[in-house]
Amino acid sequence: MTKVEIYTWQTCPFCIRAKALLESKGVPYQEHSIDGDQSARAEMSKRANGRTTVPQIFVDNEGIGGCDELYTLEQNDQLNTLLGLQH
């Protein structure tokens, strides 16, 4: 099974949109809520090649970017394949 992780802030609208897309596809994910946690944010940034914005989304430990990138994959009909879902 594909492992999906998402770093979020609780009230971030982009985080909420990204999670909603994953949930609409029935994709389980591990959420790392980093509200106010500077060490967790630093760890996320390290994993995300220096990016500091949320959400940061990882599929099988590969950073794919944030909400915009997730929706671009969906629009280009690439997200299901990346997530290991049937078309």
Protein backbone atom coordinates (compact mmCIF):
# COMPACT_ATOMS: atom_id res chain seq x y z
CA MET A 1 0.00 0.00 0.00
CA THR A 2 1.17 3.51 -0.83
CA LYS A 3 2.27 5.54 2.20
CA VAL A 4 0.98 9.12 2.21
CA GLU A 5 2.10 11.72 4.75
CA ILE A 6 0.98 15.32 4.99
CA TYR A 7 2.39 18.09 7.17
CA THR A 8 -0.34 20.54 8.14
CA TRP A 9 -1.51 23.41 10.27
CA GLN A 10 -4.96 22.88 11.72
CA THR A 11 -6.57 26.02 10.24
CA CYS A 12 -4.66 26.18 6.94
CA PRO A 13 -7.19 26.25 4.06
CA PHE A 14 -4.72 24.63 1.65
CA CYS A 15 -4.12 21.81 4.13
CA ILE A 16 -7.87 21.29 4.47
CA ARG A 17 -8.29 21.18 0.65
CA ALA A 18 -5.43 18.71 0.22
CA LYS A 19 -6.79 16.40 2.91
CA ALA A 20 -10.29 16.64 1.40
CA LEU A 21 -8.99 15.46 -1.99
CA LEU A 22 -7.18 12.51 -0.42
CA GLU A 23 -10.24 11.64 1.66
CA SER A 24 -12.52 11.85 -1.40
CA LYS A 25 -10.35 9.15 -2.97
CA GLY A 26 -10.43 7.01 0.18
CA VAL A 27 -6.67 7.36 0.62
CA PRO A 28 -5.45 6.89 4.17
CA TYR A 29 -2.72 9.29 5.21
CA GLN A 30 -0.58 10.08 8.20
CA GLU A 31 -1.02 13.69 9.28
CA HIS A 32 1.77 15.58 11.01
CA SER A 33 0.16 18.64 12.59
CA ILE A 34 2.99 21.09 13.15
CA ASP A 35 1.05 24.06 14.60
CA GLY A 36 3.55 26.03 16.69
CA ASP A 37 6.12 23.20 16.73
CA GLN A 38 9.35 24.67 15.36
CA SER A 39 11.30 21.42 15.55
CA ALA A 40 8.61 19.58 13.57
CA ARG A 41 8.56 22.41 11.03
CA ALA A 42 12.35 22.18 10.69
CA GLU A 43 12.09 18.42 10.12
CA MET A 44 9.41 18.97 7.47
CA SER A 45 11.55 21.59 5.75
CA LYS A 46 14.53 19.25 5.74
CA ARG A 47 12.44 16.48 4.15
CA ALA A 48 10.90 18.96 1.68
CA ASN A 49 14.24 20.23 0.35
CA GLY A 50 13.95 23.56 2.16
CA ARG A 51 10.29 24.30 1.51
CA THR A 52 8.60 25.80 4.56
CA THR A 53 4.98 26.20 3.46
CA VAL A 54 2.19 23.85 4.45
CA PRO A 55 0.93 21.47 3.44
CA GLN A 56 3.90 19.40 2.38
CA ILE A 57 2.83 16.04 1.00
CA PHE A 58 4.94 12.91 0.70
CA VAL A 59 4.03 9.76 -1.20
CA ASP A 60 6.24 6.79 -0.34
CA ASN A 61 8.72 9.26 1.25
CA GLU A 62 8.96 11.30 -1.99
CA GLY A 63 7.98 14.94 -1.63
CA ILE A 64 5.39 15.97 -4.19
CA GLY A 65 4.91 19.53 -2.94
CA GLY A 66 1.80 21.14 -1.56
CA CYS A 67 -1.89 21.54 -2.30
CA ASP A 68 -1.40 23.12 -5.74
CA GLU A 69 0.87 20.30 -6.87
CA LEU A 70 -1.57 17.69 -5.55
CA TYR A 71 -4.44 19.23 -7.51
CA THR A 72 -2.25 19.58 -10.62
CA LEU A 73 -1.52 15.85 -10.47
CA GLU A 74 -5.27 15.24 -10.20
CA GLN A 75 -6.06 17.53 -13.16
CA ASN A 76 -3.38 15.83 -15.27
CA ASP A 77 -4.82 12.40 -14.43
CA GLN A 78 -1.62 11.34 -12.67
CA LEU A 79 -2.69 11.29 -9.02
CA ASN A 80 -4.50 7.93 -9.06
CA THR A 81 -1.44 6.25 -10.56
CA LEU A 82 0.88 7.88 -8.03
CA LEU A 83 -1.38 6.74 -5.19
CA GLY A 84 -1.70 3.22 -6.57
CA LEU A 85 -5.45 3.54 -7.21
CA GLN A 86 -7.42 1.87 -9.98
CA HIS A 87 -8.61 4.17 -12.75
